[in-house]
């Protein structure tokens, strides 16, 4: 299973780097379609981190991120996530963010 996950991430990295290198977007999309349709937020985080590790600059990524948003929008929008249980680390972060937003909204007025 880990090998499949690794291959999926490698394919998504190859897709993104191909877009970065101005290769044929339609061909790349068709080649990696099954991995694109199965992308998760965690996958995308790993892919972006790996691009930075490979020396792609943030400025370069910003140059083609709009294309990636278009490609990954639907599968990420359909991603079903498990809401964290009370007092799990992510739950604490989410509550802190909500409190910060409330505080900032009060601060605006």
PDB file of N, CA and C in Angstrom:
ATOM      1  N   UNK A   1       0.822  -1.196   0.000  1.00  0.00           N
ATOM      2  CA  UNK A   1       0.000   0.000   0.000  1.00  0.00           C
ATOM      3  C   UNK A   1       0.861   1.254   0.000  1.00  0.00           C
ATOM      4  N   UNK A   2       1.916   1.265   0.816  1.00  0.00           N
ATOM      5  CA  UNK A   2       2.804   2.431   0.872  1.00  0.00           C
ATOM      6  C   UNK A   2       3.440   2.687  -0.488  1.00  0.00           C
ATOM      7  N   UNK A   3       3.713   1.616  -1.223  1.00  0.00           N
ATOM      8  CA  UNK A   3       4.287   1.764  -2.559  1.00  0.00           C
ATOM      9  C   UNK A   3       3.310   2.469  -3.494  1.00  0.00           C
ATOM     10  N   UNK A   4       2.021   2.135  -3.386  1.00  0.00           N
ATOM     11  CA  UNK A   4       1.005   2.807  -4.200  1.00  0.00           C
ATOM     12  C   UNK A   4       0.914   4.289  -3.844  1.00  0.00           C
ATOM     13  N   UNK A   5       0.963   4.599  -2.564  1.00  0.00           N
ATOM     14  CA  UNK A   5       0.905   5.989  -2.130  1.00  0.00           C
ATOM     15  C   UNK A   5       2.117   6.740  -2.650  1.00  0.00           C
ATOM     16  N   UNK A   6       3.294   6.116  -2.561  1.00  0.00           N
ATOM     17  CA  UNK A   6       4.508   6.733  -3.070  1.00  0.00           C
ATOM     18  C   UNK A   6       4.426   6.970  -4.563  1.00  0.00           C
ATOM     19  N   UNK A   7       3.895   6.033  -5.300  1.00  0.00           N
ATOM     20  CA  UNK A   7       3.754   6.172  -6.751  1.00  0.00           C
ATOM     21  C   UNK A   7       2.767   7.286  -7.079  1.00  0.00           C
ATOM     22  N   UNK A   8       1.682   7.359  -6.336  1.00  0.00           N
ATOM     23  CA  UNK A   8       0.692   8.415  -6.551  1.00  0.00           C
ATOM     24  C   UNK A   8       1.333   9.786  -6.357  1.00  0.00           C
ATOM     25  N   UNK A   9       2.074   9.946  -5.270  1.00  0.00           N
ATOM     26  CA  UNK A   9       2.729  11.229  -4.989  1.00  0.00           C
ATOM     27  C   UNK A   9       3.751  11.526  -6.088  1.00  0.00           C
ATOM     28  N   UNK A  10       4.534  10.534  -6.476  1.00  0.00           N
ATOM     29  CA  UNK A  10       5.507  10.727  -7.555  1.00  0.00           C
ATOM     30  C   UNK A  10       4.818  11.170  -8.840  1.00  0.00           C
ATOM     31  N   UNK A  11       3.677  10.557  -9.149  1.00  0.00           N
ATOM     32  CA  UNK A  11       2.943  10.934 -10.359  1.00  0.00           C
ATOM     33  C   UNK A  11       2.427  12.369 -10.273  1.00  0.00           C
ATOM     34  N   UNK A  12       1.912  12.736  -9.113  1.00  0.00           N
ATOM     35  CA  UNK A  12       1.408  14.103  -8.936  1.00  0.00           C
ATOM     36  C   UNK A  12       2.548  15.125  -9.020  1.00  0.00           C
ATOM     37  N   UNK A  13       3.710  14.757  -8.483  1.00  0.00           N
ATOM     38  CA  UNK A  13       4.884  15.631  -8.603  1.00  0.00           C
ATOM     39  C   UNK A  13       5.263  15.771 -10.070  1.00  0.00           C
ATOM     40  N   UNK A  14       5.295  14.655 -10.793  1.00  0.00           N
ATOM     41  CA  UNK A  14       5.627  14.705 -12.222  1.00  0.00           C
ATOM     42  C   UNK A  14       4.628  15.571 -12.980  1.00  0.00           C
ATOM     43  N   UNK A  15       3.351  15.479 -12.624  1.00  0.00           N
ATOM     44  CA  UNK A  15       2.331  16.311 -13.262  1.00  0.00           C
ATOM     45  C   UNK A  15       2.642  17.788 -13.011  1.00  0.00           C
ATOM     46  N   UNK A  16       2.865  18.144 -11.763  1.00  0.00           N
ATOM     47  CA  UNK A  16       3.114  19.547 -11.411  1.00  0.00           C
ATOM     48  C   UNK A  16       4.390  20.067 -12.058  1.00  0.00           C
ATOM     49  N   UNK A  17       5.439  19.254 -12.042  1.00  0.00           N
ATOM     50  CA  UNK A  17       6.689  19.689 -12.668  1.00  0.00           C
ATOM     51  C   UNK A  17       6.522  19.821 -14.180  1.00  0.00           C
ATOM     52  N   UNK A  18       5.703  18.960 -14.767  1.00  0.00           N
ATOM     53  CA  UNK A  18       5.413  19.075 -16.196  1.00  0.00           C
ATOM     54  C   UNK A  18       4.700  20.375 -16.515  1.00  0.00           C
ATOM     55  N   UNK A  19       3.758  20.751 -15.666  1.00  0.00           N
ATOM     56  CA  UNK A  19       3.077  22.042 -15.834  1.00  0.00           C
ATOM     57  C   UNK A  19       4.102  23.172 -15.694  1.00  0.00           C
ATOM     58  N   UNK A  20       4.966  23.061 -14.701  1.00  0.00           N
ATOM     59  CA  UNK A  20       6.021  24.057 -14.482  1.00  0.00           C
ATOM     60  C   UNK A  20       6.914  24.199 -15.716  1.00  0.00           C
ATOM     61  N   UNK A  21       7.177  23.091 -16.380  1.00  0.00           N
ATOM     62  CA  UNK A  21       8.065  23.093 -17.551  1.00  0.00           C
ATOM     63  C   UNK A  21       7.312  23.375 -18.853  1.00  0.00           C
ATOM     64  N   UNK A  22       6.053  23.793 -18.733  1.00  0.00           N
ATOM     65  CA  UNK A  22       5.210  24.126 -19.900  1.00  0.00           C
ATOM     66  C   UNK A  22       5.039  22.975 -20.880  1.00  0.00           C
ATOM     67  N   UNK A  23       4.984  21.745 -20.359  1.00  0.00           N
ATOM     68  CA  UNK A  23       4.683  20.593 -21.211  1.00  0.00           C
ATOM     69  C   UNK A  23       3.192  20.623 -21.536  1.00  0.00           C
ATOM     70  N   UNK A  24       2.753  19.805 -22.452  1.00  0.00           N
ATOM     71  CA  UNK A  24       1.365  19.773 -22.884  1.00  0.00           C
ATOM     72  C   UNK A  24       0.455  19.398 -21.711  1.00  0.00           C
ATOM     73  N   UNK A  25      -0.323  20.378 -21.253  1.00  0.00           N
ATOM     74  CA  UNK A  25      -1.183  20.193 -20.088  1.00  0.00           C
ATOM     75  C   UNK A  25      -2.237  19.123 -20.279  1.00  0.00           C
ATOM     76  N   UNK A  26      -2.824  19.056 -21.461  1.00  0.00           N
ATOM     77  CA  UNK A  26      -3.862  18.052 -21.740  1.00  0.00           C
ATOM     78  C   UNK A  26      -3.273  16.645 -21.656  1.00  0.00           C
ATOM     79  N   UNK A  27      -2.101  16.450 -22.247  1.00  0.00           N
ATOM     80  CA  UNK A  27      -1.456  15.132 -22.202  1.00  0.00           C
ATOM     81  C   UNK A  27      -1.096  14.745 -20.765  1.00  0.00           C
ATOM     82  N   UNK A  28      -0.560  15.707 -20.019  1.00  0.00           N
ATOM     83  CA  UNK A  28      -0.225  15.439 -18.614  1.00  0.00           C
ATOM     84  C   UNK A  28      -1.478  15.079 -17.822  1.00  0.00           C
ATOM     85  N   UNK A  29      -2.539  15.845 -18.035  1.00  0.00           N
ATOM     86  CA  UNK A  29      -3.798  15.605 -17.336  1.00  0.00           C
ATOM     87  C   UNK A  29      -4.313  14.192 -17.625  1.00  0.00           C
ATOM     88  N   UNK A  30      -4.317  13.810 -18.882  1.00  0.00           N
ATOM     89  CA  UNK A  30      -4.813  12.479 -19.248  1.00  0.00           C
ATOM     90  C   UNK A  30      -3.913  11.372 -18.699  1.00  0.00           C
ATOM     91  N   UNK A  31      -2.617  11.616 -18.713  1.00  0.00           N
ATOM     92  CA  UNK A  31      -1.674  10.608 -18.220  1.00  0.00           C
ATOM     93  C   UNK A  31      -1.851  10.352 -16.721  1.00  0.00           C
ATOM     94  N   UNK A  32      -2.100  11.414 -15.950  1.00  0.00           N
ATOM     95  CA  UNK A  32      -2.165  11.290 -14.492  1.00  0.00           C
ATOM     96  C   UNK A  32      -3.584  11.436 -13.943  1.00  0.00           C
ATOM     97  N   UNK A  33      -4.583  11.266 -14.790  1.00  0.00           N
ATOM     98  CA  UNK A  33      -5.975  11.504 -14.413  1.00  0.00           C
ATOM     99  C   UNK A  33      -6.406  10.723 -13.175  1.00  0.00           C
ATOM    100  N   UNK A  34      -6.078   9.453 -13.081  1.00  0.00           N
ATOM    101  CA  UNK A  34      -6.553   8.666 -11.938  1.00  0.00           C
ATOM    102  C   UNK A  34      -5.953   9.181 -10.626  1.00  0.00           C
ATOM    103  N   UNK A  35      -4.706   9.618 -10.662  1.00  0.00           N
ATOM    104  CA  UNK A  35      -4.089  10.171  -9.455  1.00  0.00           C
ATOM    105  C   UNK A  35      -4.647  11.555  -9.140  1.00  0.00           C
ATOM    106  N   UNK A  36      -4.909  12.352 -10.164  1.00  0.00           N
ATOM    107  CA  UNK A  36      -5.495  13.675  -9.960  1.00  0.00           C
ATOM    108  C   UNK A  36      -6.870  13.544  -9.315  1.00  0.00           C
ATOM    109  N   UNK A  37      -7.677  12.620  -9.805  1.00  0.00           N
ATOM    110  CA  UNK A  37      -9.028  12.447  -9.278  1.00  0.00           C
ATOM    111  C   UNK A  37      -9.036  11.926  -7.845  1.00  0.00           C
ATOM    112  N   UNK A  38      -7.936  11.321  -7.411  1.00  0.00           N
ATOM    113  CA  UNK A  38      -7.862  10.747  -6.063  1.00  0.00           C
ATOM    114  C   UNK A  38      -7.024  11.593  -5.111  1.00  0.00           C
ATOM    115  N   UNK A  39      -6.673  12.823  -5.512  1.00  0.00           N
ATOM    116  CA  UNK A  39      -5.801  13.663  -4.684  1.00  0.00           C
ATOM    117  C   UNK A  39      -6.490  14.044  -3.382  1.00  0.00           C
ATOM    118  N   UNK A  40      -5.708  14.100  -2.323  1.00  0.00           N
ATOM    119  CA  UNK A  40      -6.199  14.532  -1.009  1.00  0.00           C
ATOM    120  C   UNK A  40      -5.416  15.781  -0.598  1.00  0.00           C
ATOM    121  N   UNK A  41      -5.909  16.514   0.375  1.00  0.00           N
ATOM    122  CA  UNK A  41      -5.142  17.672   0.859  1.00  0.00           C
ATOM    123  C   UNK A  41      -3.731  17.290   1.314  1.00  0.00           C
ATOM    124  N   UNK A  42      -3.599  16.154   1.966  1.00  0.00           N
ATOM    125  CA  UNK A  42      -2.288  15.701   2.420  1.00  0.00           C
ATOM    126  C   UNK A  42      -1.368  15.426   1.239  1.00  0.00           C
ATOM    127  N   UNK A  43      -1.911  14.789   0.195  1.00  0.00           N
ATOM    128  CA  UNK A  43      -1.121  14.538  -1.017  1.00  0.00           C
ATOM    129  C   UNK A  43      -0.583  15.845  -1.578  1.00  0.00           C
ATOM    130  N   UNK A  44      -1.458  16.826  -1.688  1.00  0.00           N
ATOM    131  CA  UNK A  44      -1.068  18.096  -2.282  1.00  0.00           C
ATOM    132  C   UNK A  44      -0.007  18.798  -1.436  1.00  0.00           C
ATOM    133  N   UNK A  45      -0.140  18.708  -0.132  1.00  0.00           N
ATOM    134  CA  UNK A  45       0.881  19.273   0.756  1.00  0.00           C
ATOM    135  C   UNK A  45       2.229  18.608   0.493  1.00  0.00           C
ATOM    136  N   UNK A  46       2.226  17.285   0.389  1.00  0.00           N
ATOM    137  CA  UNK A  46       3.464  16.546   0.144  1.00  0.00           C
ATOM    138  C   UNK A  46       4.059  16.909  -1.219  1.00  0.00           C
ATOM    139  N   UNK A  47       3.209  17.049  -2.219  1.00  0.00           N
ATOM    140  CA  UNK A  47       3.663  17.396  -3.568  1.00  0.00           C
ATOM    141  C   UNK A  47       4.307  18.778  -3.575  1.00  0.00           C
ATOM    142  N   UNK A  48       3.664  19.746  -2.958  1.00  0.00           N
ATOM    143  CA  UNK A  48       4.214  21.105  -2.934  1.00  0.00           C
ATOM    144  C   UNK A  48       5.519  21.148  -2.149  1.00  0.00           C
ATOM    145  N   UNK A  49       5.575  20.454  -1.041  1.00  0.00           N
ATOM    146  CA  UNK A  49       6.800  20.402  -0.246  1.00  0.00           C
ATOM    147  C   UNK A  49       7.933  19.788  -1.055  1.00  0.00           C
ATOM    148  N   UNK A  50       7.637  18.729  -1.774  1.00  0.00           N
ATOM    149  CA  UNK A  50       8.660  18.060  -2.576  1.00  0.00           C
ATOM    150  C   UNK A  50       9.159  18.956  -3.711  1.00  0.00           C
ATOM    151  N   UNK A  51       8.265  19.727  -4.302  1.00  0.00           N
ATOM    152  CA  UNK A  51       8.703  20.656  -5.349  1.00  0.00           C
ATOM    153  C   UNK A  51       9.703  21.660  -4.777  1.00  0.00           C
ATOM    154  N   UNK A  52       9.413  22.187  -3.603  1.00  0.00           N
ATOM    155  CA  UNK A  52      10.339  23.123  -2.961  1.00  0.00           C
ATOM    156  C   UNK A  52      11.666  22.446  -2.656  1.00  0.00           C
ATOM    157  N   UNK A  53      11.600  21.206  -2.187  1.00  0.00           N
ATOM    158  CA  UNK A  53      12.807  20.431  -1.890  1.00  0.00           C
ATOM    159  C   UNK A  53      13.655  20.238  -3.144  1.00  0.00           C
ATOM    160  N   UNK A  54      12.987  20.079  -4.278  1.00  0.00           N
ATOM    161  CA  UNK A  54      13.699  19.880  -5.551  1.00  0.00           C
ATOM    162  C   UNK A  54      14.180  21.185  -6.170  1.00  0.00           C
ATOM    163  N   UNK A  55      13.982  22.281  -5.465  1.00  0.00           N
ATOM    164  CA  UNK A  55      14.536  23.543  -5.938  1.00  0.00           C
ATOM    165  C   UNK A  55      13.596  24.432  -6.724  1.00  0.00           C
ATOM    166  N   UNK A  56      12.321  24.052  -6.834  1.00  0.00           N
ATOM    167  CA  UNK A  56      11.359  24.930  -7.488  1.00  0.00           C
ATOM    168  C   UNK A  56      11.056  26.054  -6.505  1.00  0.00           C
ATOM    169  N   UNK A  57      11.230  27.273  -6.941  1.00  0.00           N
ATOM    170  CA  UNK A  57      11.036  28.406  -6.030  1.00  0.00           C
ATOM    171  C   UNK A  57       9.554  28.694  -5.823  1.00  0.00           C
ATOM    172  N   UNK A  58       9.258  29.364  -4.729  1.00  0.00           N
ATOM    173  CA  UNK A  58       7.884  29.774  -4.445  1.00  0.00           C
ATOM    174  C   UNK A  58       7.377  30.664  -5.580  1.00  0.00           C
ATOM    175  N   UNK A  59       8.221  31.548  -6.076  1.00  0.00           N
ATOM    176  CA  UNK A  59       7.838  32.441  -7.171  1.00  0.00           C
ATOM    177  C   UNK A  59       7.453  31.645  -8.415  1.00  0.00           C
ATOM    178  N   UNK A  60       8.224  30.583  -8.715  1.00  0.00           N
ATOM    179  CA  UNK A  60       7.900  29.738  -9.868  1.00  0.00           C
ATOM    180  C   UNK A  60       6.563  29.031  -9.663  1.00  0.00           C
ATOM    181  N   UNK A  61       6.352  28.497  -8.461  1.00  0.00           N
ATOM    182  CA  UNK A  61       5.090  27.807  -8.173  1.00  0.00           C
ATOM    183  C   UNK A  61       3.918  28.775  -8.319  1.00  0.00           C
ATOM    184  N   UNK A  62       4.095  30.002  -7.834  1.00  0.00           N
ATOM    185  CA  UNK A  62       3.024  30.999  -7.968  1.00  0.00           C
ATOM    186  C   UNK A  62       2.699  31.283  -9.431  1.00  0.00           C
ATOM    187  N   UNK A  63       3.652  31.058 -10.307  1.00  0.00           N
ATOM    188  CA  UNK A  63       3.432  31.289 -11.733  1.00  0.00           C
ATOM    189  C   UNK A  63       2.492  30.293 -12.384  1.00  0.00           C
ATOM    190  N   UNK A  64       2.342  29.116 -11.807  1.00  0.00           N
ATOM    191  CA  UNK A  64       1.455  28.113 -12.404  1.00  0.00           C
ATOM    192  C   UNK A  64       0.439  27.536 -11.422  1.00  0.00           C
ATOM    193  N   UNK A  65       0.380  28.075 -10.220  1.00  0.00           N
ATOM    194  CA  UNK A  65      -0.539  27.536  -9.220  1.00  0.00           C
ATOM    195  C   UNK A  65      -2.000  27.674  -9.658  1.00  0.00           C
ATOM    196  N   UNK A  66      -2.326  28.689 -10.455  1.00  0.00           N
ATOM    197  CA  UNK A  66      -3.708  28.840 -10.932  1.00  0.00           C
ATOM    198  C   UNK A  66      -4.129  27.637 -11.769  1.00  0.00           C
ATOM    199  N   UNK A  67      -3.221  27.096 -12.546  1.00  0.00           N
ATOM    200  CA  UNK A  67      -3.525  25.894 -13.345  1.00  0.00           C
ATOM    201  C   UNK A  67      -3.753  24.697 -12.426  1.00  0.00           C
ATOM    202  N   UNK A  68      -2.935  24.603 -11.382  1.00  0.00           N
ATOM    203  CA  UNK A  68      -3.089  23.493 -10.441  1.00  0.00           C
ATOM    204  C   UNK A  68      -4.401  23.595  -9.687  1.00  0.00           C
ATOM    205  N   UNK A  69      -4.779  24.809  -9.328  1.00  0.00           N
ATOM    206  CA  UNK A  69      -6.058  25.013  -8.637  1.00  0.00           C
ATOM    207  C   UNK A  69      -7.203  24.535  -9.517  1.00  0.00           C
ATOM    208  N   UNK A  70      -7.149  24.868 -10.794  1.00  0.00           N
ATOM    209  CA  UNK A  70      -8.199  24.422 -11.716  1.00  0.00           C
ATOM    210  C   UNK A  70      -8.268  22.900 -11.797  1.00  0.00           C
ATOM    211  N   UNK A  71      -7.129  22.257 -11.833  1.00  0.00           N
ATOM    212  CA  UNK A  71      -7.086  20.800 -11.972  1.00  0.00           C
ATOM    213  C   UNK A  71      -7.521  20.100 -10.683  1.00  0.00           C
ATOM    214  N   UNK A  72      -7.038  20.588  -9.542  1.00  0.00           N
ATOM    215  CA  UNK A  72      -7.286  19.902  -8.275  1.00  0.00           C
ATOM    216  C   UNK A  72      -8.541  20.376  -7.551  1.00  0.00           C
ATOM    217  N   UNK A  73      -9.195  21.407  -8.046  1.00  0.00           N
ATOM    218  CA  UNK A  73     -10.346  21.980  -7.351  1.00  0.00           C
ATOM    219  C   UNK A  73     -11.452  20.946  -7.103  1.00  0.00           C
ATOM    220  N   UNK A  74     -11.867  20.271  -8.141  1.00  0.00           N
ATOM    221  CA  UNK A  74     -12.993  19.340  -7.993  1.00  0.00           C
ATOM    222  C   UNK A  74     -12.687  18.182  -7.040  1.00  0.00           C
ATOM    223  N   UNK A  75     -11.571  17.458  -7.227  1.00  0.00           N
ATOM    224  CA  UNK A  75     -11.335  16.358  -6.280  1.00  0.00           C
ATOM    225  C   UNK A  75     -11.157  16.831  -4.840  1.00  0.00           C
ATOM    226  N   UNK A  76     -10.545  18.002  -4.649  1.00  0.00           N
ATOM    227  CA  UNK A  76     -10.382  18.503  -3.285  1.00  0.00           C
ATOM    228  C   UNK A  76     -11.719  18.977  -2.715  1.00  0.00           C
ATOM    229  N   UNK A  77     -12.571  19.541  -3.562  1.00  0.00           N
ATOM    230  CA  UNK A  77     -13.897  19.978  -3.101  1.00  0.00           C
ATOM    231  C   UNK A  77     -14.758  18.795  -2.683  1.00  0.00           C
ATOM    232  N   UNK A  78     -14.541  17.659  -3.317  1.00  0.00           N
ATOM    233  CA  UNK A  78     -15.324  16.468  -3.015  1.00  0.00           C
ATOM    234  C   UNK A  78     -14.704  15.614  -1.908  1.00  0.00           C
ATOM    235  N   UNK A  79     -13.559  16.022  -1.425  1.00  0.00           N
ATOM    236  CA  UNK A  79     -12.864  15.261  -0.387  1.00  0.00           C
ATOM    237  C   UNK A  79     -13.694  15.282   0.902  1.00  0.00           C
ATOM    238  N   UNK A  80     -13.930  14.120   1.444  1.00  0.00           N
ATOM    239  CA  UNK A  80     -14.680  13.997   2.694  1.00  0.00           C
ATOM    240  C   UNK A  80     -13.670  13.783   3.818  1.00  0.00           C
ATOM    241  N   UNK A  81     -13.643  14.715   4.747  1.00  0.00           N
ATOM    242  CA  UNK A  81     -12.689  14.600   5.836  1.00  0.00           C
ATOM    243  C   UNK A  81     -13.394  14.255   7.125  1.00  0.00           C
ATOM    244  N   UNK A  82     -12.657  13.625   8.004  1.00  0.00           N
ATOM    245  CA  UNK A  82     -13.186  13.240   9.307  1.00  0.00           C
ATOM    246  C   UNK A  82     -12.961  14.393  10.255  1.00  0.00           C
ATOM    247  N   UNK A  83     -14.065  14.916  10.783  1.00  0.00           N
ATOM    248  CA  UNK A  83     -13.964  15.997  11.761  1.00  0.00           C
ATOM    249  C   UNK A  83     -13.284  15.454  13.014  1.00  0.00           C
ATOM    250  N   UNK A  84     -12.317  16.187  13.526  1.00  0.00           N
ATOM    251  CA  UNK A  84     -11.607  15.692  14.710  1.00  0.00           C
ATOM    252  C   UNK A  84     -12.523  15.636  15.932  1.00  0.00           C
ATOM    253  N   UNK A  85     -12.248  14.687  16.780  1.00  0.00           N
ATOM    254  CA  UNK A  85     -13.007  14.570  18.026  1.00  0.00           C
ATOM    255  C   UNK A  85     -12.579  15.679  18.979  1.00  0.00           C
ATOM    256  N   UNK A  86     -13.433  15.954  19.940  1.00  0.00           N
ATOM    257  CA  UNK A  86     -13.155  17.006  20.925  1.00  0.00           C
ATOM    258  C   UNK A  86     -11.789  16.789  21.560  1.00  0.00           C
ATOM    259  N   UNK A  87     -11.049  17.867  21.634  1.00  0.00           N
ATOM    260  CA  UNK A  87      -9.742  17.930  22.282  1.00  0.00           C
ATOM    261  C   UNK A  87      -8.623  17.210  21.537  1.00  0.00           C
ATOM    262  N   UNK A  88      -8.890  16.709  20.327  1.00  0.00           N
ATOM    263  CA  UNK A  88      -7.778  16.266  19.496  1.00  0.00           C
ATOM    264  C   UNK A  88      -7.019  17.516  19.054  1.00  0.00           C
ATOM    265  N   UNK A  89      -5.770  17.348  18.704  1.00  0.00           N
ATOM    266  CA  UNK A  89      -4.928  18.481  18.359  1.00  0.00           C
ATOM    267  C   UNK A  89      -5.563  19.361  17.284  1.00  0.00           C
ATOM    268  N   UNK A  90      -6.077  18.751  16.223  1.00  0.00           N
ATOM    269  CA  UNK A  90      -6.689  19.533  15.148  1.00  0.00           C
ATOM    270  C   UNK A  90      -7.938  20.262  15.636  1.00  0.00           C
ATOM    271  N   UNK A  91      -8.700  19.646  16.516  1.00  0.00           N
ATOM    272  CA  UNK A  91      -9.880  20.303  17.081  1.00  0.00           C
ATOM    273  C   UNK A  91      -9.471  21.549  17.864  1.00  0.00           C
ATOM    274  N   UNK A  92      -8.411  21.442  18.630  1.00  0.00           N
ATOM    275  CA  UNK A  92      -7.928  22.586  19.406  1.00  0.00           C
ATOM    276  C   UNK A  92      -7.514  23.712  18.460  1.00  0.00           C
ATOM    277  N   UNK A  93      -6.773  23.372  17.400  1.00  0.00           N
ATOM    278  CA  UNK A  93      -6.355  24.389  16.431  1.00  0.00           C
ATOM    279  C   UNK A  93      -7.557  25.049  15.758  1.00  0.00           C
ATOM    280  N   UNK A  94      -8.553  24.251  15.398  1.00  0.00           N
ATOM    281  CA  UNK A  94      -9.739  24.792  14.740  1.00  0.00           C
ATOM    282  C   UNK A  94     -10.497  25.742  15.674  1.00  0.00           C
ATOM    283  N   UNK A  95     -10.604  25.378  16.941  1.00  0.00           N
ATOM    284  CA  UNK A  95     -11.290  26.252  17.899  1.00  0.00           C
ATOM    285  C   UNK A  95     -10.502  27.539  18.136  1.00  0.00           C
ATOM    286  N   UNK A  96      -9.181  27.416  18.187  1.00  0.00           N
ATOM    287  CA  UNK A  96      -8.351  28.612  18.337  1.00  0.00           C
ATOM    288  C   UNK A  96      -8.521  29.539  17.130  1.00  0.00           C
ATOM    289  N   UNK A  97      -8.542  28.970  15.926  1.00  0.00           N
ATOM    290  CA  UNK A  97      -8.750  29.778  14.722  1.00  0.00           C
ATOM    291  C   UNK A  97     -10.108  30.458  14.743  1.00  0.00           C
ATOM    292  N   UNK A  98     -11.139  29.742  15.147  1.00  0.00           N
ATOM    293  CA  UNK A  98     -12.480  30.331  15.219  1.00  0.00           C
ATOM    294  C   UNK A  98     -12.500  31.481  16.224  1.00  0.00           C
ATOM    295  N   UNK A  99     -11.843  31.286  17.349  1.00  0.00           N
ATOM    296  CA  UNK A  99     -11.768  32.345  18.346  1.00  0.00           C
ATOM    297  C   UNK A  99     -11.010  33.552  17.832  1.00  0.00           C
ATOM    298  N   UNK A 100      -9.948  33.306  17.093  1.00  0.00           N
ATOM    299  CA  UNK A 100      -9.171  34.404  16.516  1.00  0.00           C
ATOM    300  C   UNK A 100      -9.993  35.172  15.488  1.00  0.00           C
ATOM    301  N   UNK A 101     -10.725  34.459  14.666  1.00  0.00           N
ATOM    302  CA  UNK A 101     -11.583  35.119  13.667  1.00  0.00           C
ATOM    303  C   UNK A 101     -12.628  35.983  14.364  1.00  0.00           C
ATOM    304  N   UNK A 102     -13.257  35.444  15.394  1.00  0.00           N
ATOM    305  CA  UNK A 102     -14.245  36.221  16.154  1.00  0.00           C
ATOM    306  C   UNK A 102     -13.602  37.471  16.738  1.00  0.00           C
ATOM    307  N   UNK A 103     -12.452  37.306  17.318  1.00  0.00           N
ATOM    308  CA  UNK A 103     -11.742  38.439  17.919  1.00  0.00           C
ATOM    309  C   UNK A 103     -11.403  39.490  16.863  1.00  0.00           C
ATOM    310  N   UNK A 104     -10.931  39.060  15.709  1.00  0.00           N
ATOM    311  CA  UNK A 104     -10.581  39.998  14.640  1.00  0.00           C
ATOM    312  C   UNK A 104     -11.802  40.703  14.088  1.00  0.00           C
ATOM    313  N   UNK A 105     -12.930  40.002  13.989  1.00  0.00           N
ATOM    314  CA  UNK A 105     -14.152  40.635  13.509  1.00  0.00           C
ATOM    315  C   UNK A 105     -14.621  41.705  14.486  1.00  0.00           C
ATOM    316  N   UNK A 106     -14.513  41.447  15.776  1.00  0.00           N
ATOM    317  CA  UNK A 106     -14.863  42.451  16.782  1.00  0.00           C
ATOM    318  C   UNK A 106     -13.912  43.644  16.698  1.00  0.00           C
ATOM    319  N   UNK A 107     -12.667  43.349  16.401  1.00  0.00           N
ATOM    320  CA  UNK A 107     -11.637  44.366  16.302  1.00  0.00           C
ATOM    321  C   UNK A 107     -11.887  45.289  15.108  1.00  0.00           C
ATOM    322  N   UNK A 108     -12.436  44.723  14.010  1.00  0.00           N
ATOM    323  CA  UNK A 108     -12.703  45.514  12.811  1.00  0.00           C
ATOM    324  C   UNK A 108     -13.671  46.654  13.077  1.00  0.00           C
ATOM    325  N   UNK A 109     -14.726  46.374  13.801  1.00  0.00           N
ATOM    326  CA  UNK A 109     -15.717  47.430  14.032  1.00  0.00           C
ATOM    327  C   UNK A 109     -15.174  48.422  15.026  1.00  0.00           C
TER     328      UNK A 109
END
